[in-house]
C-alpha atoms as a PDB file:
ATOM      1  CA  MET A   1      50.709 107.666 127.752  1.00  0.00           C
ATOM      2  CA  ARG A   2      52.828 105.667 128.207  1.00  0.00           C
ATOM      3  CA  TYR A   3      54.493 103.633 125.571  1.00  0.00           C
ATOM      4  CA  LYS A   4      54.634  99.537 126.030  1.00  0.00           C
ATOM      5  CA  GLU A   5      57.163  97.805 124.114  1.00  0.00           C
ATOM      6  CA  SER A   6      56.287  94.169 122.327  1.00  0.00           C
ATOM      7  CA  ILE A   7      58.385  91.235 123.244  1.00  0.00           C
ATOM      8  CA  LEU A   8      60.510  91.423 119.552  1.00  0.00           C
ATOM      9  CA  SER A   9      60.942  95.014 120.492  1.00  0.00           C
ATOM     10  CA  ARG A  10      62.700  93.958 123.871  1.00  0.00           C
ATOM     11  CA  LEU A  11      64.667  91.275 122.367  1.00  0.00           C
ATOM     12  CA  PHE A  12      66.060  93.495 119.682  1.00  0.00           C
ATOM     13  CA  ASP A  13      67.413  95.794 122.213  1.00  0.00           C
ATOM     14  CA  VAL A  14      68.715  92.980 124.178  1.00  0.00           C
ATOM     15  CA  ALA A  15      70.624  92.013 121.202  1.00  0.00           C
ATOM     16  CA  ASN A  16      71.735  95.503 120.274  1.00  0.00           C
ATOM     17  CA  TYR A  17      73.386  95.966 123.784  1.00  0.00           C
ATOM     18  CA  THR A  18      74.810  92.685 123.783  1.00  0.00           C
ATOM     19  CA  PHE A  19      76.550  93.039 120.414  1.00  0.00           C
ATOM     20  CA  ILE A  20      77.701  97.155 121.443  1.00  0.00           C
ATOM     21  CA  VAL A  21      79.103  95.351 124.501  1.00  0.00           C
ATOM     22  CA  VAL A  22      80.817  92.827 122.743  1.00  0.00           C
ATOM     23  CA  MET A  23      82.181  95.058 120.242  1.00  0.00           C
ATOM     24  CA  MET A  24      83.499  97.108 123.034  1.00  0.00           C
ATOM     25  CA  ILE A  25      85.505  94.318 124.812  1.00  0.00           C
ATOM     26  CA  VAL A  26      86.812  93.484 121.233  1.00  0.00           C
ATOM     27  CA  MET A  27      87.862  97.094 120.571  1.00  0.00           C
ATOM     28  CA  ILE A  28      89.009  97.871 124.427  1.00  0.00           C
ATOM     29  CA  TYR A  29      90.867  94.373 125.241  1.00  0.00           C
ATOM     30  CA  PRO A  30      93.657  94.732 122.664  1.00  0.00           C
ATOM     31  CA  LEU A  31      94.398  98.195 124.477  1.00  0.00           C
ATOM     32  CA  ILE A  32      94.524  96.911 127.732  1.00  0.00           C
ATOM     33  CA  ASN A  33      96.694  93.815 126.785  1.00  0.00           C
ATOM     34  CA  VAL A  34      99.462  96.694 125.547  1.00  0.00           C
ATOM     35  CA  LEU A  35      99.303  98.378 128.328  1.00  0.00           C
ATOM     36  CA  SER A  36      99.256  95.434 130.932  1.00  0.00           C
ATOM     37  CA  ILE A  37     102.268  94.192 129.019  1.00  0.00           C
ATOM     38  CA  SER A  38     104.048  97.684 129.269  1.00  0.00           C
ATOM     39  CA  LEU A  39     103.558  96.947 132.857  1.00  0.00           C
ATOM     40  CA  SER A  40     104.220  93.297 133.618  1.00  0.00           C
ATOM     41  CA  THR A  41     107.594  91.289 134.726  1.00  0.00           C
ATOM     42  CA  PRO A  42     109.907  89.850 131.544  1.00  0.00           C
ATOM     43  CA  SER A  43     109.301  86.686 132.989  1.00  0.00           C
ATOM     44  CA  ALA A  44     105.508  86.885 132.787  1.00  0.00           C
ATOM     45  CA  ILE A  45     105.691  87.927 129.416  1.00  0.00           C
ATOM     46  CA  VAL A  46     107.665  85.224 128.511  1.00  0.00           C
ATOM     47  CA  ALA A  47     105.195  82.345 130.292  1.00  0.00           C
ATOM     48  CA  GLY A  48     102.239  84.057 128.225  1.00  0.00           C
ATOM     49  CA  LYS A  49     100.643  84.798 131.583  1.00  0.00           C
ATOM     50  CA  VAL A  50      99.562  89.019 130.834  1.00  0.00           C
ATOM     51  CA  GLY A  51      95.982  89.250 129.774  1.00  0.00           C
ATOM     52  CA  TRP A  52      93.741  92.098 131.594  1.00  0.00           C
ATOM     53  CA  LEU A  53      95.942  92.531 134.034  1.00  0.00           C
ATOM     54  CA  PRO A  54      99.888  93.341 134.132  1.00  0.00           C
ATOM     55  CA  LYS A  55     101.822  90.826 136.129  1.00  0.00           C
ATOM     56  CA  GLY A  56     104.117  92.163 138.524  1.00  0.00           C
ATOM     57  CA  PHE A  57     104.955  95.856 137.978  1.00  0.00           C
ATOM     58  CA  ASN A  58     107.962  96.880 135.566  1.00  0.00           C
ATOM     59  CA  LEU A  59     108.989 100.382 133.955  1.00  0.00           C
ATOM     60  CA  GLU A  60     111.954  99.706 132.444  1.00  0.00           C
ATOM     61  CA  GLY A  61     110.702 100.231 128.980  1.00  0.00           C
ATOM     62  CA  TYR A  62     109.198 103.676 129.809  1.00  0.00           C
ATOM     63  CA  LYS A  63     112.453 104.894 131.509  1.00  0.00           C
ATOM     64  CA  TYR A  64     114.243 103.553 128.842  1.00  0.00           C
ATOM     65  CA  LEU A  65     111.740 105.614 126.345  1.00  0.00           C
ATOM     66  CA  PHE A  66     111.792 109.155 128.309  1.00  0.00           C
ATOM     67  CA  GLU A  67     115.723 108.832 129.380  1.00  0.00           C
ATOM     68  CA  ASP A  68     116.834 108.083 125.665  1.00  0.00           C
ATOM     69  CA  GLY A  69     115.233 111.403 124.462  1.00  0.00           C
ATOM     70  CA  GLU A  70     115.049 110.504 120.934  1.00  0.00           C
ATOM     71  CA  ILE A  71     111.082 110.046 121.808  1.00  0.00           C
ATOM     72  CA  PHE A  72     110.802 113.951 122.415  1.00  0.00           C
ATOM     73  CA  ARG A  73     112.861 115.221 119.209  1.00  0.00           C
ATOM     74  CA  ALA A  74     110.199 112.636 117.434  1.00  0.00           C
ATOM     75  CA  TYR A  75     107.011 114.302 119.156  1.00  0.00           C
ATOM     76  CA  ARG A  76     108.661 117.872 118.456  1.00  0.00           C
ATOM     77  CA  ASN A  77     108.509 116.718 114.630  1.00  0.00           C
ATOM     78  CA  THR A  78     105.502 115.607 114.567  1.00  0.00           C
ATOM     79  CA  ILE A  79     103.873 118.369 116.149  1.00  0.00           C
ATOM     80  CA  LEU A  80     105.458 120.981 113.629  1.00  0.00           C
ATOM     81  CA  TYR A  81     104.612 118.493 110.611  1.00  0.00           C
ATOM     82  CA  ALA A  82     101.012 118.295 112.434  1.00  0.00           C
ATOM     83  CA  GLY A  83     100.787 122.108 112.567  1.00  0.00           C
ATOM     84  CA  VAL A  84     102.534 123.586 109.672  1.00  0.00           C
ATOM     85  CA  GLY A  85     100.594 120.830 106.981  1.00  0.00           C
ATOM     86  CA  THR A  86      97.226 121.200 108.931  1.00  0.00           C
ATOM     87  CA  PHE A  87      97.515 125.241 107.813  1.00  0.00           C
ATOM     88  CA  ILE A  88      98.807 124.423 104.374  1.00  0.00           C
ATOM     89  CA  THR A  89      95.866 122.197 103.956  1.00  0.00           C
ATOM     90  CA  LEU A  90      93.417 124.489 104.778  1.00  0.00           C
ATOM     91  CA  ALA A  91      94.860 127.795 103.300  1.00  0.00           C
ATOM     92  CA  LEU A  92      95.339 125.687  99.974  1.00  0.00           C
ATOM     93  CA  THR A  93      92.021 123.597  99.815  1.00  0.00           C
ATOM     94  CA  SER A  94      89.987 126.422 100.964  1.00  0.00           C
ATOM     95  CA  LEU A  95      91.136 129.055  98.636  1.00  0.00           C
ATOM     96  CA  ALA A  96      90.732 126.166  95.418  1.00  0.00           C
ATOM     97  CA  ALA A  97      87.213 125.543  96.543  1.00  0.00           C
ATOM     98  CA  TYR A  98      86.479 129.490  96.870  1.00  0.00           C
ATOM     99  CA  THR A  99      87.374 129.813  92.863  1.00  0.00           C
ATOM    100  CA  LEU A 100      85.466 126.431  92.240  1.00  0.00           C
ATOM    101  CA  ALA A 101      82.540 127.840  94.406  1.00  0.00           C
ATOM    102  CA  ILE A 102      82.414 131.268  91.992  1.00  0.00           C
ATOM    103  CA  ARG A 103      79.829 130.716  89.036  1.00  0.00           C
ATOM    104  CA  GLU A 104      81.255 133.716  87.508  1.00  0.00           C
ATOM    105  CA  PHE A 105      84.772 131.708  87.155  1.00  0.00           C
ATOM    106  CA  VAL A 106      85.249 131.175  83.312  1.00  0.00           C
ATOM    107  CA  LEU A 107      87.622 128.261  83.913  1.00  0.00           C
ATOM    108  CA  ARG A 108      85.568 126.526  86.637  1.00  0.00           C
ATOM    109  CA  LYS A 109      84.176 123.945  84.772  1.00  0.00           C
ATOM    110  CA  PHE A 110      87.730 122.760  83.382  1.00  0.00           C
ATOM    111  CA  ALA A 111      88.855 123.020  86.921  1.00  0.00           C
ATOM    112  CA  THR A 112      86.288 120.734  88.463  1.00  0.00           C
ATOM    113  CA  VAL A 113      86.387 118.176  85.605  1.00  0.00           C
ATOM    114  CA  TYR A 114      90.767 118.638  85.984  1.00  0.00           C
ATOM    115  CA  TRP A 115      90.497 118.276  89.593  1.00  0.00           C
ATOM    116  CA  ALA A 116      87.869 115.219  89.312  1.00  0.00           C
ATOM    117  CA  VAL A 117      90.414 113.357  87.043  1.00  0.00           C
ATOM    118  CA  THR A 118      92.959 113.337  89.902  1.00  0.00           C
ATOM    119  CA  MET A 119      90.700 111.608  91.925  1.00  0.00           C
ATOM    120  CA  PHE A 120      90.492 108.447  89.806  1.00  0.00           C
ATOM    121  CA  ILE A 121      94.362 108.767  88.046  1.00  0.00           C
ATOM    122  CA  GLY A 122      97.285 109.000  90.028  1.00  0.00           C
ATOM    123  CA  GLY A 123     101.075 109.662  89.399  1.00  0.00           C
ATOM    124  CA  GLY A 124     102.019 106.394  91.230  1.00  0.00           C
ATOM    125  CA  LEU A 125     104.795 106.004  93.632  1.00  0.00           C
ATOM    126  CA  ILE A 126     107.703 105.916  91.125  1.00  0.00           C
ATOM    127  CA  PRO A 127     106.470 109.303  89.096  1.00  0.00           C
ATOM    128  CA  THR A 128     106.335 110.908  92.717  1.00  0.00           C
ATOM    129  CA  PHE A 129     109.382 110.008  94.210  1.00  0.00           C
ATOM    130  CA  LEU A 130     111.088 111.352  91.067  1.00  0.00           C
ATOM    131  CA  VAL A 131     109.390 114.369  90.826  1.00  0.00           C
ATOM    132  CA  ILE A 132     109.698 115.192  94.911  1.00  0.00           C
ATOM    133  CA  LYS A 133     113.706 114.340  94.351  1.00  0.00           C
ATOM    134  CA  ASN A 134     113.584 116.807  91.077  1.00  0.00           C
ATOM    135  CA  LEU A 135     112.181 119.313  93.124  1.00  0.00           C
ATOM    136  CA  GLY A 136     115.195 119.199  95.658  1.00  0.00           C
ATOM    137  CA  MET A 137     112.461 118.182  98.636  1.00  0.00           C
ATOM    138  CA  MET A 138     114.444 115.306  99.668  1.00  0.00           C
ATOM    139  CA  ASN A 139     115.469 115.151 103.239  1.00  0.00           C
ATOM    140  CA  THR A 140     113.816 118.097 103.766  1.00  0.00           C
ATOM    141  CA  PHE A 141     111.213 119.500 106.468  1.00  0.00           C
ATOM    142  CA  TRP A 142     108.930 120.194 103.602  1.00  0.00           C
ATOM    143  CA  VAL A 143     108.696 116.489 102.120  1.00  0.00           C
ATOM    144  CA  MET A 144     106.584 116.015 105.306  1.00  0.00           C
ATOM    145  CA  VAL A 145     103.743 118.728 104.638  1.00  0.00           C
ATOM    146  CA  ILE A 146     103.746 119.662 100.742  1.00  0.00           C
ATOM    147  CA  PRO A 147     103.131 116.406  99.017  1.00  0.00           C
ATOM    148  CA  GLY A 148      99.502 115.302  99.251  1.00  0.00           C
ATOM    149  CA  ALA A 149      98.383 118.651 101.271  1.00  0.00           C
ATOM    150  CA  ILE A 150      95.495 119.148  99.251  1.00  0.00           C
ATOM    151  CA  GLY A 151      93.202 116.447  97.820  1.00  0.00           C
ATOM    152  CA  ALA A 152      90.163 116.387  95.124  1.00  0.00           C
ATOM    153  CA  PHE A 153      87.542 115.127  97.635  1.00  0.00           C
ATOM    154  CA  THR A 154      88.285 117.743 100.419  1.00  0.00           C
ATOM    155  CA  VAL A 155      88.138 120.490  97.625  1.00  0.00           C
ATOM    156  CA  PHE A 156      84.861 119.545  96.500  1.00  0.00           C
ATOM    157  CA  VAL A 157      83.372 119.022 100.318  1.00  0.00           C
ATOM    158  CA  PHE A 158      84.370 122.522 100.432  1.00  0.00           C
ATOM    159  CA  ARG A 159      83.368 124.262  97.314  1.00  0.00           C
ATOM    160  CA  THR A 160      79.690 122.686  98.116  1.00  0.00           C
ATOM    161  CA  PHE A 161      79.694 123.940 101.417  1.00  0.00           C
ATOM    162  CA  PHE A 162      80.863 127.408 100.357  1.00  0.00           C
ATOM    163  CA  GLN A 163      78.389 127.559  97.644  1.00  0.00           C
ATOM    164  CA  GLU A 164      75.530 126.978 100.053  1.00  0.00           C
ATOM    165  CA  LEU A 165      76.799 130.560 101.596  1.00  0.00           C
ATOM    166  CA  PRO A 166      74.197 133.496 100.773  1.00  0.00           C
ATOM    167  CA  VAL A 167      75.769 134.694  97.274  1.00  0.00           C
ATOM    168  CA  GLU A 168      74.336 138.385  98.393  1.00  0.00           C
ATOM    169  CA  LEU A 169      77.178 138.239 101.442  1.00  0.00           C
ATOM    170  CA  ARG A 170      79.826 138.371  98.402  1.00  0.00           C
ATOM    171  CA  GLU A 171      77.716 140.873  96.455  1.00  0.00           C
ATOM    172  CA  SER A 172      77.533 143.447  98.507  1.00  0.00           C
ATOM    173  CA  ALA A 173      81.083 142.907  99.762  1.00  0.00           C
ATOM    174  CA  TYR A 174      82.227 143.762  95.900  1.00  0.00           C
ATOM    175  CA  MET A 175      80.269 146.835  96.563  1.00  0.00           C
ATOM    176  CA  ASP A 176      81.906 147.821  99.608  1.00  0.00           C
ATOM    177  CA  GLY A 177      85.361 147.467  97.545  1.00  0.00           C
ATOM    178  CA  ALA A 178      86.568 144.047  98.468  1.00  0.00           C
ATOM    179  CA  ASN A 179      88.289 141.560  95.861  1.00  0.00           C
ATOM    180  CA  ASP A 180      88.072 138.160  95.904  1.00  0.00           C
ATOM    181  CA  PHE A 181      91.027 137.492  98.269  1.00  0.00           C
ATOM    182  CA  VAL A 182      89.643 139.726 101.169  1.00  0.00           C
ATOM    183  CA  ILE A 183      86.041 138.143 100.531  1.00  0.00           C
ATOM    184  CA  TRP A 184      87.453 134.792 101.021  1.00  0.00           C
ATOM    185  CA  TYR A 185      89.429 136.016 104.339  1.00  0.00           C
ATOM    186  CA  LYS A 186      87.222 138.038 106.007  1.00  0.00           C
ATOM    187  CA  VAL A 187      83.922 136.642 104.724  1.00  0.00           C
ATOM    188  CA  THR A 188      83.832 132.964 103.806  1.00  0.00           C
ATOM    189  CA  LEU A 189      86.391 131.527 106.495  1.00  0.00           C
ATOM    190  CA  PRO A 190      84.780 133.126 109.681  1.00  0.00           C
ATOM    191  CA  LEU A 191      81.719 131.180 108.173  1.00  0.00           C
ATOM    192  CA  SER A 192      83.246 128.216 107.802  1.00  0.00           C
ATOM    193  CA  LYS A 193      84.806 127.835 111.575  1.00  0.00           C
ATOM    194  CA  ALA A 194      82.772 124.632 111.785  1.00  0.00           C
ATOM    195  CA  LEU A 195      84.164 122.912 108.351  1.00  0.00           C
ATOM    196  CA  LEU A 196      87.485 124.170 108.757  1.00  0.00           C
ATOM    197  CA  ALA A 197      87.606 123.124 112.569  1.00  0.00           C
ATOM    198  CA  THR A 198      86.354 119.516 111.396  1.00  0.00           C
ATOM    199  CA  PHE A 199      88.952 119.014 108.593  1.00  0.00           C
ATOM    200  CA  ALA A 200      92.035 120.375 110.780  1.00  0.00           C
ATOM    201  CA  LEU A 201      91.305 117.867 112.919  1.00  0.00           C
ATOM    202  CA  PHE A 202      91.308 115.308 110.059  1.00  0.00           C
ATOM    203  CA  THR A 203      94.468 116.460 109.230  1.00  0.00           C
ATOM    204  CA  ILE A 204      96.343 116.163 112.505  1.00  0.00           C
ATOM    205  CA  VAL A 205      95.113 112.857 112.564  1.00  0.00           C
ATOM    206  CA  GLY A 206      96.283 111.872 109.400  1.00  0.00           C
ATOM    207  CA  HIS A 207      99.846 113.666 110.536  1.00  0.00           C
ATOM    208  CA  TRP A 208     100.100 111.710 114.010  1.00  0.00           C
ATOM    209  CA  ASN A 209      99.747 108.534 112.165  1.00  0.00           C
ATOM    210  CA  SER A 210     101.725 109.324 109.056  1.00  0.00           C
ATOM    211  CA  TRP A 211     105.272 107.129 108.574  1.00  0.00           C
ATOM    212  CA  PHE A 212     105.662 106.211 105.161  1.00  0.00           C
ATOM    213  CA  ASN A 213     106.409 109.600 103.540  1.00  0.00           C
ATOM    214  CA  ALA A 214     109.322 109.673 106.050  1.00  0.00           C
ATOM    215  CA  LEU A 215     109.997 106.162 105.448  1.00  0.00           C
ATOM    216  CA  LEU A 216     110.796 106.653 101.322  1.00  0.00           C
ATOM    217  CA  TYR A 217     111.721 110.634 101.990  1.00  0.00           C
ATOM    218  CA  LEU A 218     113.755 111.102 104.976  1.00  0.00           C
ATOM    219  CA  LYS A 219     117.111 109.636 105.417  1.00  0.00           C
ATOM    220  CA  ASP A 220     118.166 112.166 108.504  1.00  0.00           C
ATOM    221  CA  SER A 221     116.662 110.568 111.938  1.00  0.00           C
ATOM    222  CA  ASP A 222     116.574 113.970 113.587  1.00  0.00           C
ATOM    223  CA  LEU A 223     113.479 114.822 110.707  1.00  0.00           C
ATOM    224  CA  HIS A 224     111.900 111.555 111.385  1.00  0.00           C
ATOM    225  CA  PRO A 225     108.322 111.953 113.383  1.00  0.00           C
ATOM    226  CA  LEU A 226     106.813 109.847 115.958  1.00  0.00           C
ATOM    227  CA  GLN A 227     105.810 106.932 114.367  1.00  0.00           C
ATOM    228  CA  MET A 228     109.080 106.037 112.195  1.00  0.00           C
ATOM    229  CA  TYR A 229     110.537 105.820 116.310  1.00  0.00           C
ATOM    230  CA  LEU A 230     107.553 103.950 117.110  1.00  0.00           C
ATOM    231  CA  ARG A 231     108.436 101.543 113.924  1.00  0.00           C
ATOM    232  CA  ARG A 232     112.075 101.173 114.588  1.00  0.00           C
ATOM    233  CA  ILE A 233     111.003 100.304 118.490  1.00  0.00           C
ATOM    234  CA  VAL A 234     108.666  97.890 117.604  1.00  0.00           C
ATOM    235  CA  VAL A 235     109.525  96.439 114.181  1.00  0.00           C
ATOM    236  CA  GLU A 236     113.083  96.187 114.298  1.00  0.00           C
ATOM    237  CA  GLU A 237     113.211  92.831 117.060  1.00  0.00           C
ATOM    238  CA  ASN A 238     110.669  91.530 114.942  1.00  0.00           C
ATOM    239  CA  LEU A 239     112.110  91.786 111.578  1.00  0.00           C
ATOM    240  CA  GLY A 240     115.055  89.777 113.632  1.00  0.00           C
ATOM    241  CA  SER A 241     117.839  92.717 113.539  1.00  0.00           C
ATOM    242  CA  GLY A 242     118.136  92.930 117.169  1.00  0.00           C
ATOM    243  CA  TYR A 243     118.005  96.308 118.683  1.00  0.00           C
ATOM    244  CA  THR A 244     121.380  98.207 118.181  1.00  0.00           C
ATOM    245  CA  ASP A 245     121.590 100.178 120.940  1.00  0.00           C
ATOM    246  CA  GLY A 246     123.842  99.045 124.151  1.00  0.00           C
ATOM    247  CA  GLU A 247     121.545 100.183 126.937  1.00  0.00           C
ATOM    248  CA  ILE A 248     118.781  98.216 125.603  1.00  0.00           C
ATOM    249  CA  GLN A 249     121.134  95.314 125.039  1.00  0.00           C
ATOM    250  CA  ALA A 250     122.156  95.236 128.580  1.00  0.00           C
ATOM    251  CA  LEU A 251     118.649  95.738 129.830  1.00  0.00           C
ATOM    252  CA  LEU A 252     117.723  92.918 128.072  1.00  0.00           C
ATOM    253  CA  ALA A 253     120.710  90.540 129.004  1.00  0.00           C
ATOM    254  CA  SER A 254     120.094  91.442 132.831  1.00  0.00           C
ATOM    255  CA  ASN A 255     116.438  90.150 132.389  1.00  0.00           C
ATOM    256  CA  ARG A 256     115.125  93.776 133.905  1.00  0.00           C
ATOM    257  CA  MET A 257     113.152  93.832 130.516  1.00  0.00           C
ATOM    258  CA  ASN A 258     112.006  92.204 127.887  1.00  0.00           C
ATOM    259  CA  PRO A 259     111.241  93.749 124.128  1.00  0.00           C
ATOM    260  CA  LYS A 260     107.695  93.269 124.121  1.00  0.00           C
ATOM    261  CA  ASN A 261     108.197  95.993 127.320  1.00  0.00           C
ATOM    262  CA  LEU A 262     109.587  98.668 125.558  1.00  0.00           C
ATOM    263  CA  GLN A 263     107.907  97.623 122.431  1.00  0.00           C
ATOM    264  CA  MET A 264     104.282  98.218 124.041  1.00  0.00           C
ATOM    265  CA  ALA A 265     105.501 101.126 126.519  1.00  0.00           C
ATOM    266  CA  ALA A 266     106.305 103.091 122.559  1.00  0.00           C
ATOM    267  CA  VAL A 267     103.166 102.750 121.808  1.00  0.00           C
ATOM    268  CA  MET A 268     101.407 103.580 124.800  1.00  0.00           C
ATOM    269  CA  VAL A 269     103.776 106.899 124.461  1.00  0.00           C
ATOM    270  CA  ALA A 270     102.448 107.461 121.073  1.00  0.00           C
ATOM    271  CA  MET A 271      99.188 106.618 121.550  1.00  0.00           C
ATOM    272  CA  ALA A 272      98.820 108.837 124.654  1.00  0.00           C
ATOM    273  CA  PRO A 273      98.146 112.357 123.125  1.00  0.00           C
ATOM    274  CA  ILE A 274      95.558 110.565 120.892  1.00  0.00           C
ATOM    275  CA  LEU A 275      94.079 109.244 123.710  1.00  0.00           C
ATOM    276  CA  PHE A 276      93.393 112.460 125.603  1.00  0.00           C
ATOM    277  CA  ILE A 277      92.775 114.494 122.824  1.00  0.00           C
ATOM    278  CA  TYR A 278      89.679 112.237 121.256  1.00  0.00           C
ATOM    279  CA  PRO A 279      87.272 112.296 123.724  1.00  0.00           C
ATOM    280  CA  PHE A 280      86.844 116.092 123.647  1.00  0.00           C
ATOM    281  CA  ILE A 281      86.987 116.727 120.020  1.00  0.00           C
ATOM    282  CA  GLN A 282      84.826 113.530 118.967  1.00  0.00           C
ATOM    283  CA  ARG A 283      82.028 115.087 118.820  1.00  0.00           C
ATOM    284  CA  TYR A 284      83.826 117.353 115.678  1.00  0.00           C
ATOM    285  CA  PHE A 285      84.727 114.025 114.112  1.00  0.00           C
ATOM    286  CA  VAL A 286      81.004 113.299 113.690  1.00  0.00           C
ATOM    287  CA  LYS A 287      80.022 116.527 112.509  1.00  0.00           C
ATOM    288  CA  GLY A 288      82.425 116.353 109.761  1.00  0.00           C
ATOM    289  CA  VAL A 289      81.296 113.110 108.939  1.00  0.00           C
ATOM    290  CA  MET A 290      78.026 114.334 108.408  1.00  0.00           C
ATOM    291  CA  ILE A 291      79.002 117.429 106.185  1.00  0.00           C
ATOM    292  CA  GLY A 292      80.526 114.800 104.097  1.00  0.00           C
ATOM    293  CA  SER A 293      78.076 112.632 103.770  1.00  0.00           C
ATOM    294  CA  ILE A 294      74.961 115.246 103.038  1.00  0.00           C
ATOM    295  CA  LYS A 295      76.814 118.126 101.268  1.00  0.00           C
ATOM    296  CA  GLY A 296      80.337 116.314  99.508  1.00  0.00           C
END
């Protein structure tokens, strides 16, 4: 039997599709405009003629970025921060959650309240800065991966997921002589691959977009992540300080490159890995949201 749609249902579908198309255009246009500006000639950018398509063809911004080489160091730092930081976050979070999931744990209620309090009361920026300074973590690799590695909300999501696992698995492992660390490593984690994969992706994206900690705690530019490099390229000119690099000044003086060429090229290069990877991992993001909303 064929279902016959009513006129109101069809109107709703048309309105729904129209809204989705409009939203898609609103979100895609800035990305395409950034790409077009990065490829356009300086005169077209100054005249404000660049919209959906590039005006002319100019790769000077991309040439400078790849010949400069600093962007590759920033890429390396960001990949290291994301890799090591994600491993530390998942290890500490799953350990804390496993402890809270054990009903026989004597301090379970106290620890749960302690974690919950941290969700509403934070130390603040200045106390956090002083703690990190007194710990000797200033201007080190670890300042980018240790502070904020574990959060109460994520711990509670992990704990809820671990509590759904059959208790009999842990009891049988105990009978076989395993301790809690072995059970966590060989029983709980292998059964939580979807959860670990989802939050690994969230953590990687967080590290990829992170720049504020680097601004506060890293003075050595060799340790700066990609977003700090991007910030320097994009913000330096807008703040009126101008570019201090002689090669950039020569390109600007000869009118071979507009500051927007360089800025938009840097934005595209920084976004490229996420743009290529995200379509393949989007389903894990959706799954992660569902885990947090139903069981969190």
